[in-house]
Amino acid sequence: MNHAGRNRSIFKTVFSVSSVLLIAKLLGFVKQIVVANAFGATADTDVISLSQGIITDFEFLIAQTMITAFIPIYISVKENNQDEKHFVSNVLKIFGIISILISSLIFAFSPMVSKIIAPSYSGEIFDSLVHNVRIYAFSLVILVITAIFNALLKGNDSFLPGEITSVNQSLVFIVCIILFTNSLGVQTLILSFLLYAAVNLFYLGMYSKKYWRFELRGFTFDDNVKRLLKMIAPLLFSYAMVYINQLVDKILATELGGGTVTAMSYSAVLTNFITGFTGAVCGIAFTRIAQNIARKDDEKTALIIRYFITFFVTILIPVTIISIVNAKDIVTAVYGRGAFDSAAIESSTYALMGYGGMFIPCALRELFTRLQYGYQDSRGPTINSTISIVVNIILSIVLSRFWGILGITVASTISVLISAVMNIVSSRKHNRYLKISDFKQDMIFWLIGIGACICVKVLICKYINIQNTYARFCITAMITLSIYGVVVLPVILRVLKGRNLYRNS
């Protein structure tokens, strides 16, 4: 396939995934609105959020480690015409055993785990947390196996099923809340979580069936498994540090009063609309990067990186500005009803403002981290991640004392920025075609666009007085996006057409 055809293929894939992701995130908003309206932000929802968080954090730790190491090695196995299904069978056995062991430890030591994540809890609320942790414990096995199927599909250029799982999650939660809230109360959230995990396991397992088989014979410790485990070791440490960082943030949040943990989770849903999009698109880029690296084509790899940098920065500049300056209107419009009171709105607003600045750094961090993983270098990203997380923990402890929930989320944004810069620097040793100078022309348009967005916001605040929250947000967003779009139109056209981002050989 020539460059132009490949570019169109990449853009078509990005567009398709983005469309599904948009639907999934809109449903996610609806789900969270339903949850907020039904249960609000209380100590009971904090307990549910914390207990679910233990499992999802461990799932993130194991699944992301596995996916990141799995895809480049799986593609290499395919490129070398080896038995990829045998490799997948080995991976299923490895991570199945690991997840069962971790689940058993979580179940056995649930009081200790609960005390670590919520040291300020005691009495009935602590007992409830321990009980919920035990209920969730073995769902980790389901989530990890599901992640393997998702990685397998991505390794075969099938990206849509993984995004559809988010649609499944939202639909299961919404239906369960409608049907069971009156009888189960807040415990409906536990049922919803367990049911959606089972649904997605079945869905992805069936969808990826042609790419895997489970072999009953013993585990084969071949060269591919050795490469996988060698890459996993630093990755596991890196993601463990991420988990520790999230744990510290939750501990700090529990000390800020009831409902704070839930408020952070509600604002995270809003920011996850963007970070989920960037993560999905980076997943597409990662597969393409790994394919070109396996073919030892560094120039095409650099072309893909340049395309996605321009793509991300161009679309995320106005999103960042709107998320920060219109945070209260966004939170009020999405959650401001039912049991979600003014205190919850205020906490969620501060959290969203703090998270708002991380969108572009997060996209760049993910892109350049995956580039290094494509070269099977997990050591560099691990060092970068560890440094940024240590900074994050220190800043969270210090800033939370002065700014509360805003301090915790601002610390996260600063950490992501530091990680992004370090990953950009460390990536350049792998690919000599990566050059910052390629973006000089685009930077001019981006800076002008930033200035235009800020001016629009100032003028609207000064001359337009709109009382209705929905109308104020929609008008502000539409005017900001329109003017920004006009200013950066040349860059947008280059992204759409792929010109100047890819060169013919």
Protein backbone atom coordinates (compact mmCIF):
# COMPACT_ATOMS: atom_id res chain seq x y z
CA MET A 1 0.00 0.00 0.00
CA ASN A 2 1.38 3.47 -0.87
CA HIS A 3 1.66 6.33 1.65
CA ALA A 4 -1.53 8.07 0.52
CA GLY A 5 -3.55 4.85 0.77
CA ARG A 6 -2.09 4.06 4.18
CA ASN A 7 -2.85 7.59 5.40
CA ARG A 8 -6.46 7.32 4.29
CA SER A 9 -6.67 3.94 6.00
CA ILE A 10 -5.35 5.37 9.26
CA PHE A 11 -7.68 8.36 9.12
CA LYS A 12 -10.66 6.13 8.31
CA THR A 13 -9.82 3.93 11.30
CA VAL A 14 -9.44 6.97 13.58
CA PHE A 15 -12.76 8.37 12.34
CA SER A 16 -14.57 5.06 12.88
CA VAL A 17 -13.16 4.56 16.37
CA SER A 18 -13.83 8.21 17.25
CA SER A 19 -17.47 7.86 16.19
CA VAL A 20 -18.00 4.76 18.33
CA LEU A 21 -16.10 6.36 21.19
CA LEU A 22 -18.30 9.47 20.97
CA ILE A 23 -21.41 7.31 21.27
CA ALA A 24 -19.83 5.37 24.13
CA LYS A 25 -18.84 8.50 26.02
CA LEU A 26 -22.24 10.13 25.52
CA LEU A 27 -23.82 6.99 26.93
CA GLY A 28 -21.24 7.16 29.70
CA PHE A 29 -22.41 10.68 30.49
CA VAL A 30 -26.00 9.49 30.56
CA LYS A 31 -24.98 6.62 32.85
CA GLN A 32 -23.18 8.95 35.23
CA ILE A 33 -26.08 11.38 35.22
CA VAL A 34 -28.41 8.52 36.12
CA VAL A 35 -26.03 7.38 38.88
CA ALA A 36 -25.61 10.92 40.25
CA ASN A 37 -29.33 11.56 40.16
CA ALA A 38 -30.12 8.27 41.90
CA PHE A 39 -27.39 8.22 44.55
CA GLY A 40 -25.67 11.64 44.66
CA ALA A 41 -22.25 11.95 46.31
CA THR A 42 -22.38 10.44 49.81
CA ALA A 43 -20.33 8.29 52.16
CA ASP A 44 -22.12 5.20 50.77
CA THR A 45 -21.14 6.04 47.19
CA ASP A 46 -17.59 6.70 48.40
CA VAL A 47 -17.44 3.16 49.77
CA ILE A 48 -18.67 1.73 46.44
CA SER A 49 -16.24 3.91 44.51
CA LEU A 50 -13.27 2.93 46.68
CA SER A 51 -14.02 -0.80 46.61
CA GLN A 52 -14.53 -0.78 42.84
CA GLY A 53 -11.40 1.31 42.51
CA ILE A 54 -9.26 -1.35 44.18
CA ILE A 55 -10.22 -3.88 41.50
CA THR A 56 -10.11 -1.47 38.56
CA ASP A 57 -6.72 -0.18 39.69
CA PHE A 58 -5.33 -3.71 39.86
CA GLU A 59 -6.96 -4.44 36.50
CA PHE A 60 -5.29 -1.33 35.10
CA LEU A 61 -1.97 -2.47 36.53
CA ILE A 62 -2.13 -5.98 35.06
CA ALA A 63 -4.10 -5.31 31.88
CA GLN A 64 -2.08 -2.29 30.74
CA THR A 65 1.16 -4.12 31.46
CA MET A 66 -0.03 -7.09 29.44
CA ILE A 67 -1.48 -5.09 26.54
CA THR A 68 1.58 -2.87 26.20
CA ALA A 69 3.98 -5.81 26.15
CA PHE A 70 1.68 -8.13 24.21
CA ILE A 71 0.95 -6.12 21.04
CA PRO A 72 4.51 -5.52 19.70
CA ILE A 73 5.59 -9.08 20.48
CA TYR A 74 2.39 -10.56 19.02
CA ILE A 75 2.90 -8.56 15.82
CA SER A 76 6.53 -9.71 15.70
CA VAL A 77 5.39 -13.33 16.08
CA LYS A 78 2.97 -12.90 13.17
CA GLU A 79 5.56 -11.12 10.99
CA ASN A 80 7.95 -14.05 11.53
CA ASN A 81 5.24 -16.60 10.58
CA GLN A 82 5.27 -18.30 13.98
CA ASP A 83 2.28 -19.90 15.72
CA GLU A 84 0.60 -16.84 17.21
CA LYS A 85 -2.31 -18.85 18.67
CA HIS A 86 0.13 -20.89 20.75
CA PHE A 87 1.62 -17.61 22.01
CA VAL A 88 -1.86 -16.32 22.92
CA SER A 89 -2.61 -19.55 24.80
CA ASN A 90 0.54 -19.07 26.86
CA VAL A 91 -0.43 -15.47 27.64
CA LEU A 92 -3.92 -16.52 28.75
CA LYS A 93 -2.38 -19.04 31.15
CA ILE A 94 0.19 -16.59 32.56
CA PHE A 95 -2.20 -13.75 33.25
CA GLY A 96 -5.05 -16.03 34.28
CA ILE A 97 -2.88 -17.47 37.05
CA ILE A 98 -1.54 -14.04 38.05
CA SER A 99 -5.03 -12.53 38.29
CA ILE A 100 -6.36 -15.49 40.34
CA LEU A 101 -3.48 -15.17 42.81
CA ILE A 102 -3.98 -11.42 43.20
CA SER A 103 -7.75 -11.82 43.58
CA SER A 104 -7.19 -14.42 46.31
CA LEU A 105 -4.82 -12.11 48.18
CA ILE A 106 -7.26 -9.20 47.93
CA PHE A 107 -10.05 -11.41 49.30
CA ALA A 108 -7.93 -12.82 52.12
CA PHE A 109 -6.45 -9.50 53.20
CA SER A 110 -9.46 -7.26 52.46
CA PRO A 111 -9.43 -5.62 55.95
CA MET A 112 -5.78 -4.67 55.52
CA VAL A 113 -6.36 -3.43 51.96
CA SER A 114 -9.38 -1.40 53.11
CA LYS A 115 -7.41 0.20 55.94
CA ILE A 116 -4.66 1.20 53.50
CA ILE A 117 -6.99 2.93 51.03
CA ALA A 118 -9.26 4.50 53.68
CA PRO A 119 -7.29 4.91 56.93
CA SER A 120 -9.81 7.40 58.27
CA TYR A 121 -12.74 4.94 58.02
CA SER A 122 -13.95 3.02 61.08
CA GLY A 123 -16.98 1.19 62.44
CA GLU A 124 -19.87 0.40 60.14
CA ILE A 125 -18.54 2.26 57.11
CA PHE A 126 -15.22 0.38 57.33
CA ASP A 127 -17.01 -2.97 57.63
CA SER A 128 -19.05 -2.08 54.56
CA LEU A 129 -15.87 -1.30 52.60
CA VAL A 130 -14.32 -4.67 53.57
CA HIS A 131 -17.50 -6.50 52.56
CA ASN A 132 -17.60 -4.80 49.16
CA VAL A 133 -13.91 -5.48 48.48
CA ARG A 134 -14.53 -9.19 48.99
CA ILE A 135 -17.51 -9.13 46.63
CA TYR A 136 -15.46 -7.47 43.89
CA ALA A 137 -12.22 -9.44 44.41
CA PHE A 138 -12.55 -12.21 41.80
CA SER A 139 -14.01 -9.94 39.12
CA LEU A 140 -10.36 -9.08 38.50
CA VAL A 141 -9.91 -12.42 36.72
CA ILE A 142 -12.75 -11.61 34.32
CA LEU A 143 -11.42 -8.11 33.61
CA VAL A 144 -7.88 -9.32 32.89
CA ILE A 145 -8.96 -12.07 30.48
CA THR A 146 -11.22 -9.52 28.76
CA ALA A 147 -8.22 -7.21 28.36
CA ILE A 148 -6.24 -9.99 26.68
CA PHE A 149 -9.01 -10.50 24.13
CA ASN A 150 -9.09 -6.74 23.54
CA ALA A 151 -5.32 -6.60 22.99
CA LEU A 152 -5.57 -9.54 20.60
CA LEU A 153 -8.16 -7.72 18.52
CA LYS A 154 -6.05 -4.54 18.45
CA GLY A 155 -3.07 -6.58 17.32
CA ASN A 156 -5.18 -7.68 14.35
CA ASP A 157 -6.28 -4.12 13.45
CA SER A 158 -9.74 -4.61 14.97
CA PHE A 159 -10.25 -1.57 17.20
CA LEU A 160 -14.03 -1.07 17.32
CA PRO A 161 -15.02 -4.02 19.58
CA GLY A 162 -12.86 -2.72 22.42
CA GLU A 163 -14.64 0.63 22.30
CA ILE A 164 -18.06 -1.00 22.14
CA THR A 165 -17.38 -2.53 25.56
CA SER A 166 -17.88 0.95 27.00
CA VAL A 167 -21.31 1.04 25.38
CA ASN A 168 -22.10 -2.32 26.99
CA GLN A 169 -20.98 -1.00 30.37
CA SER A 170 -23.19 2.08 30.23
CA LEU A 171 -26.24 0.15 29.03
CA VAL A 172 -25.87 -2.48 31.77
CA PHE A 173 -25.55 0.19 34.47
CA ILE A 174 -28.50 2.23 33.22
CA VAL A 175 -30.79 -0.80 32.92
CA CYS A 176 -29.80 -2.15 36.34
CA ILE A 177 -30.34 1.22 38.04
CA ILE A 178 -33.78 1.55 36.46
CA LEU A 179 -34.79 -2.00 37.42
CA PHE A 180 -33.17 -2.57 40.80
CA THR A 181 -32.57 0.76 42.60
CA ASN A 182 -35.84 0.60 44.53
CA SER A 183 -35.08 -2.88 45.86
CA LEU A 184 -31.27 -2.85 46.18
CA GLY A 185 -30.48 0.84 46.69
CA VAL A 186 -26.82 1.78 46.25
CA GLN A 187 -25.91 -1.94 46.08
CA THR A 188 -27.27 -1.81 42.52
CA LEU A 189 -23.89 -0.37 41.53
CA ILE A 190 -22.18 -3.59 42.65
CA LEU A 191 -24.55 -5.77 40.64
CA SER A 192 -24.09 -3.53 37.59
CA PHE A 193 -20.31 -3.75 37.77
CA LEU A 194 -20.21 -7.54 38.02
CA LEU A 195 -22.79 -8.01 35.27
CA TYR A 196 -21.06 -5.70 32.78
CA ALA A 197 -17.72 -7.47 33.39
CA ALA A 198 -19.31 -10.83 32.50
CA VAL A 199 -21.06 -9.40 29.42
CA ASN A 200 -17.86 -7.91 28.02
CA LEU A 201 -15.87 -11.11 28.64
CA PHE A 202 -18.37 -13.09 26.59
CA TYR A 203 -18.58 -10.40 23.88
CA LEU A 204 -14.84 -9.98 23.28
CA GLY A 205 -14.14 -13.67 23.74
CA MET A 206 -16.57 -14.56 20.97
CA TYR A 207 -15.47 -11.69 18.73
CA SER A 208 -11.79 -12.67 18.95
CA LYS A 209 -12.45 -16.42 18.76
CA LYS A 210 -10.76 -16.87 15.37
CA TYR A 211 -7.48 -15.42 16.71
CA TRP A 212 -6.96 -17.67 19.75
CA ARG A 213 -7.19 -21.15 21.11
CA PHE A 214 -6.72 -22.45 24.63
CA GLU A 215 -4.33 -25.39 24.79
CA LEU A 216 -4.73 -27.85 27.64
CA ARG A 217 -1.15 -29.05 27.41
CA GLY A 218 1.47 -27.51 29.67
CA PHE A 219 2.93 -24.06 29.49
CA THR A 220 5.75 -23.54 26.95
CA PHE A 221 8.53 -21.22 28.12
CA ASP A 222 9.76 -20.27 24.64
CA ASP A 223 11.67 -17.21 23.40
CA ASN A 224 8.50 -15.18 22.83
CA VAL A 225 7.35 -15.72 26.40
CA LYS A 226 10.81 -14.76 27.63
CA ARG A 227 10.66 -11.52 25.61
CA LEU A 228 7.20 -10.83 27.01
CA LEU A 229 8.28 -11.37 30.62
CA LYS A 230 11.47 -9.34 30.09
CA MET A 231 9.40 -6.41 28.86
CA ILE A 232 6.76 -6.86 31.56
CA ALA A 233 9.13 -6.48 34.53
CA PRO A 234 9.81 -2.72 34.19
CA LEU A 235 6.26 -2.15 32.93
CA LEU A 236 4.83 -3.79 36.03
CA PHE A 237 6.91 -1.51 38.21
CA SER A 238 5.83 1.53 36.17
CA TYR A 239 2.12 0.76 36.40
CA ALA A 240 2.52 -0.21 40.07
CA MET A 241 3.78 3.31 40.65
CA VAL A 242 0.69 4.64 38.86
CA TYR A 243 -1.44 2.54 41.20
CA ILE A 244 0.39 3.85 44.26
CA ASN A 245 -0.13 7.37 42.99
CA GLN A 246 -3.88 6.81 42.55
CA LEU A 247 -4.01 5.24 45.99
CA VAL A 248 -2.35 8.27 47.60
CA ASP A 249 -4.82 10.59 45.84
CA LYS A 250 -7.77 8.57 47.16
CA ILE A 251 -6.36 8.53 50.68
CA LEU A 252 -5.93 12.31 50.56
CA ALA A 253 -9.46 12.69 49.15
CA THR A 254 -11.01 10.65 51.99
CA GLU A 255 -9.53 13.14 54.44
CA LEU A 256 -11.26 16.08 52.72
CA GLY A 257 -14.78 15.04 53.80
CA GLY A 258 -17.60 12.75 52.68
CA GLY A 259 -18.42 12.82 48.98
CA THR A 260 -14.98 14.06 47.89
CA VAL A 261 -13.90 10.71 46.43
CA THR A 262 -17.16 10.50 44.50
CA ALA A 263 -16.80 14.10 43.29
CA MET A 264 -13.35 13.24 41.93
CA SER A 265 -14.79 10.20 40.18
CA TYR A 266 -17.57 12.27 38.62
CA SER A 267 -15.09 14.84 37.27
CA ALA A 268 -12.88 11.97 36.10
CA VAL A 269 -15.79 10.73 33.99
CA LEU A 270 -15.85 14.09 32.23
CA THR A 271 -12.09 14.14 31.64
CA ASN A 272 -12.14 10.48 30.64
CA PHE A 273 -14.27 11.51 27.68
CA ILE A 274 -11.12 13.16 26.33
CA THR A 275 -8.41 10.89 27.73
CA GLY A 276 -10.41 7.86 26.61
CA PHE A 277 -10.50 9.28 23.10
CA THR A 278 -6.77 9.98 23.06
CA GLY A 279 -6.05 6.55 24.51
CA ALA A 280 -8.15 4.84 21.83
CA VAL A 281 -6.47 6.78 19.04
CA CYS A 282 -3.03 6.08 20.54
CA GLY A 283 -4.00 2.41 20.50
CA ILE A 284 -4.47 2.67 16.74
CA ALA A 285 -1.16 4.48 16.41
CA PHE A 286 0.58 1.86 18.57
CA THR A 287 -0.44 -0.99 16.29
CA ARG A 288 0.72 0.92 13.18
CA ILE A 289 3.95 1.90 14.93
CA ALA A 290 4.66 -1.68 15.97
CA GLN A 291 4.03 -2.91 12.44
CA ASN A 292 6.48 -0.44 10.89
CA ILE A 293 9.09 -1.05 13.58
CA ALA A 294 8.83 -4.80 12.96
CA ARG A 295 9.58 -3.99 9.30
CA LYS A 296 12.47 -1.74 10.40
CA ASP A 297 10.93 1.32 8.72
CA ASP A 298 11.78 4.23 11.05
CA GLU A 299 10.81 6.92 8.56
CA LYS A 300 7.20 5.73 8.23
CA THR A 301 7.09 5.38 12.01
CA ALA A 302 8.09 9.05 12.38
CA LEU A 303 5.47 10.07 9.82
CA ILE A 304 2.76 8.39 11.88
CA ILE A 305 4.00 10.11 15.05
CA ARG A 306 4.01 13.52 13.37
CA TYR A 307 0.50 13.00 12.06
CA PHE A 308 -0.94 12.12 15.46
CA ILE A 309 0.88 14.94 17.26
CA THR A 310 -0.67 17.47 14.89
CA PHE A 311 -4.04 15.75 15.17
CA PHE A 312 -4.05 15.74 18.97
CA VAL A 313 -2.72 19.24 19.62
CA THR A 314 -5.04 20.84 17.07
CA ILE A 315 -8.25 19.37 18.45
CA LEU A 316 -7.33 19.48 22.15
CA ILE A 317 -6.36 23.15 22.50
CA PRO A 318 -9.97 24.49 22.54
CA VAL A 319 -11.17 21.49 24.58
CA THR A 320 -8.58 22.29 27.25
CA ILE A 321 -9.53 25.95 27.44
CA ILE A 322 -13.27 25.26 27.55
CA SER A 323 -12.84 22.56 30.24
CA ILE A 324 -10.97 24.93 32.54
CA VAL A 325 -12.86 28.20 32.13
CA ASN A 326 -16.33 26.63 31.83
CA ALA A 327 -15.83 23.87 34.41
CA LYS A 328 -18.74 24.90 36.65
CA ASP A 329 -21.17 25.18 33.74
CA ILE A 330 -20.12 21.73 32.49
CA VAL A 331 -20.55 20.07 35.89
CA THR A 332 -23.87 21.82 36.54
CA ALA A 333 -25.24 20.94 33.11
CA VAL A 334 -24.25 17.27 33.39
CA TYR A 335 -24.82 16.48 37.06
CA GLY A 336 -26.71 19.38 38.68
CA ARG A 337 -29.98 17.69 39.54
CA GLY A 338 -31.54 15.24 41.99
CA ALA A 339 -29.28 14.30 44.93
CA PHE A 340 -26.29 16.10 43.41
CA ASP A 341 -26.26 19.25 45.57
CA SER A 342 -24.30 22.53 45.44
CA ALA A 343 -21.43 21.14 47.55
CA ALA A 344 -20.97 18.24 45.12
CA ILE A 345 -21.05 20.68 42.18
CA GLU A 346 -18.37 22.83 43.78
CA SER A 347 -16.07 19.89 44.53
CA SER A 348 -16.49 18.40 41.05
CA THR A 349 -15.88 21.81 39.46
CA TYR A 350 -12.53 22.25 41.21
CA ALA A 351 -11.56 18.70 40.26
CA LEU A 352 -12.42 19.29 36.59
CA MET A 353 -10.47 22.56 36.53
CA GLY A 354 -7.41 20.77 37.85
CA TYR A 355 -7.71 17.89 35.40
CA GLY A 356 -8.45 20.16 32.43
CA GLY A 357 -4.84 21.06 31.68
CA MET A 358 -3.67 17.47 31.23
CA PHE A 359 -5.35 16.65 27.90
CA ILE A 360 -2.53 17.58 25.50
CA PRO A 361 0.29 16.37 27.79
CA CYS A 362 -1.60 13.11 28.33
CA ALA A 363 -1.95 12.51 24.58
CA LEU A 364 1.73 13.23 23.96
CA ARG A 365 2.81 11.09 26.90
CA GLU A 366 0.77 8.14 25.64
CA LEU A 367 1.99 8.55 22.06
CA PHE A 368 5.70 8.71 22.89
CA THR A 369 5.45 6.04 25.58
CA ARG A 370 3.93 3.66 23.06
CA LEU A 371 6.58 4.60 20.52
CA GLN A 372 9.25 3.39 22.94
CA TYR A 373 7.25 0.25 23.71
CA GLY A 374 7.12 -0.38 19.96
CA TYR A 375 10.92 -0.53 20.04
CA GLN A 376 10.50 -2.93 22.99
CA ASP A 377 12.06 -0.37 25.32
CA SER A 378 10.12 -0.44 28.59
CA ARG A 379 13.01 0.81 30.72
CA GLY A 380 12.95 4.43 29.51
CA PRO A 381 9.19 4.97 29.99
CA THR A 382 9.42 3.27 33.40
CA ILE A 383 12.09 5.68 34.61
CA ASN A 384 10.15 8.66 33.24
CA SER A 385 6.90 7.46 34.80
CA THR A 386 8.51 6.82 38.18
CA ILE A 387 10.02 10.30 38.35
CA SER A 388 6.74 11.99 37.39
CA ILE A 389 4.72 9.91 39.87
CA VAL A 390 7.07 10.73 42.75
CA VAL A 391 6.61 14.40 41.85
CA ASN A 392 2.84 13.86 41.69
CA ILE A 393 2.66 12.27 45.15
CA ILE A 394 4.71 15.05 46.71
CA LEU A 395 2.69 17.77 45.01
CA SER A 396 -0.63 16.09 45.91
CA ILE A 397 0.30 15.99 49.59
CA VAL A 398 1.48 19.62 49.59
CA LEU A 399 -1.15 21.22 47.34
CA SER A 400 -4.12 19.38 48.89
CA ARG A 401 -3.37 21.15 52.17
CA PHE A 402 -3.87 24.51 50.50
CA TRP A 403 -6.29 23.89 47.62
CA GLY A 404 -8.09 20.71 48.67
CA ILE A 405 -9.41 18.66 45.77
CA LEU A 406 -8.09 21.22 43.26
CA GLY A 407 -4.57 20.67 44.60
CA ILE A 408 -4.82 16.89 44.03
CA THR A 409 -5.94 17.25 40.43
CA VAL A 410 -3.49 20.05 39.60
CA ALA A 411 -0.69 17.82 40.90
CA SER A 412 -1.85 15.10 38.50
CA THR A 413 -1.74 17.50 35.56
CA ILE A 414 1.76 18.70 36.41
CA SER A 415 2.92 15.10 36.71
CA VAL A 416 1.52 14.20 33.29
CA LEU A 417 3.25 17.21 31.73
CA ILE A 418 6.61 16.20 33.23
CA SER A 419 6.15 12.63 32.00
CA ALA A 420 5.25 13.81 28.49
CA VAL A 421 8.37 15.98 28.19
CA MET A 422 10.66 13.22 29.43
CA ASN A 423 9.14 10.65 27.06
CA ILE A 424 9.54 12.97 24.09
CA VAL A 425 13.22 13.42 24.92
CA SER A 426 13.91 9.71 25.52
CA SER A 427 12.07 8.69 22.33
CA ARG A 428 14.45 10.55 20.07
CA LYS A 429 17.28 8.06 20.67
CA HIS A 430 15.22 5.38 18.89
CA ASN A 431 14.22 7.33 15.80
CA ARG A 432 16.40 9.95 14.13
CA TYR A 433 13.50 11.18 11.97
CA LEU A 434 11.67 12.75 14.94
CA LYS A 435 12.20 16.52 14.85
CA ILE A 436 10.48 19.32 16.77
CA SER A 437 11.26 21.70 13.91
CA ASP A 438 8.61 19.92 11.82
CA PHE A 439 5.94 21.77 13.84
CA LYS A 440 7.21 25.35 13.57
CA GLN A 441 4.51 26.41 11.13
CA ASP A 442 1.74 24.69 13.08
CA MET A 443 2.88 26.26 16.36
CA ILE A 444 2.17 29.73 14.98
CA PHE A 445 -1.43 28.80 14.24
CA TRP A 446 -1.81 27.03 17.60
CA LEU A 447 -0.59 30.07 19.56
CA ILE A 448 -2.87 32.41 17.66
CA GLY A 449 -5.74 29.98 18.25
CA ILE A 450 -5.06 29.95 22.01
CA GLY A 451 -5.07 33.73 22.10
CA ALA A 452 -8.34 33.83 20.15
CA CYS A 453 -10.03 31.38 22.54
CA ILE A 454 -9.00 33.39 25.60
CA CYS A 455 -10.14 36.68 24.04
CA VAL A 456 -13.52 35.15 23.16
CA LYS A 457 -14.04 34.01 26.75
CA VAL A 458 -13.11 37.44 28.16
CA LEU A 459 -15.42 39.26 25.75
CA ILE A 460 -18.35 36.92 26.43
CA CYS A 461 -17.97 37.35 30.20
CA LYS A 462 -17.80 41.13 29.81
CA TYR A 463 -20.55 41.82 27.29
CA ILE A 464 -22.94 38.85 27.31
CA ASN A 465 -24.96 38.05 30.43
CA ILE A 466 -26.70 34.69 30.07
CA GLN A 467 -28.30 33.23 33.18
CA ASN A 468 -29.26 29.82 31.85
CA THR A 469 -26.36 27.39 32.38
CA TYR A 470 -27.03 25.27 29.30
CA ALA A 471 -27.43 28.25 26.99
CA ARG A 472 -24.33 29.99 28.39
CA PHE A 473 -22.15 26.93 27.95
CA CYS A 474 -23.43 26.07 24.47
CA ILE A 475 -23.06 29.63 23.18
CA THR A 476 -19.57 30.02 24.67
CA ALA A 477 -18.41 26.67 23.31
CA MET A 478 -19.84 27.26 19.84
CA ILE A 479 -18.31 30.72 19.47
CA THR A 480 -14.95 29.55 20.84
CA LEU A 481 -14.78 26.50 18.59
CA SER A 482 -15.90 28.44 15.52
CA ILE A 483 -13.32 31.20 15.86
CA TYR A 484 -10.58 28.72 16.74
CA GLY A 485 -11.52 26.59 13.72
CA VAL A 486 -11.15 29.56 11.40
CA VAL A 487 -7.76 30.52 12.86
CA VAL A 488 -6.25 27.01 12.59
CA LEU A 489 -8.07 26.03 9.38
CA PRO A 490 -4.83 25.48 7.40
CA VAL A 491 -3.66 22.97 10.01
CA ILE A 492 -7.05 21.23 10.07
CA LEU A 493 -6.97 20.85 6.30
CA ARG A 494 -3.49 19.32 6.44
CA VAL A 495 -4.69 16.83 9.04
CA LEU A 496 -7.71 15.89 6.95
CA LYS A 497 -5.78 15.58 3.72
CA GLY A 498 -2.58 14.18 5.19
CA ARG A 499 -0.49 16.69 3.26
CA ASN A 500 2.87 17.76 4.62
CA LEU A 501 2.48 15.11 7.34
CA TYR A 502 3.36 12.20 5.08
CA ARG A 503 5.82 12.31 2.23
CA ASN A 504 6.04 10.00 -0.72
CA SER A 505 9.05 7.71 -0.74
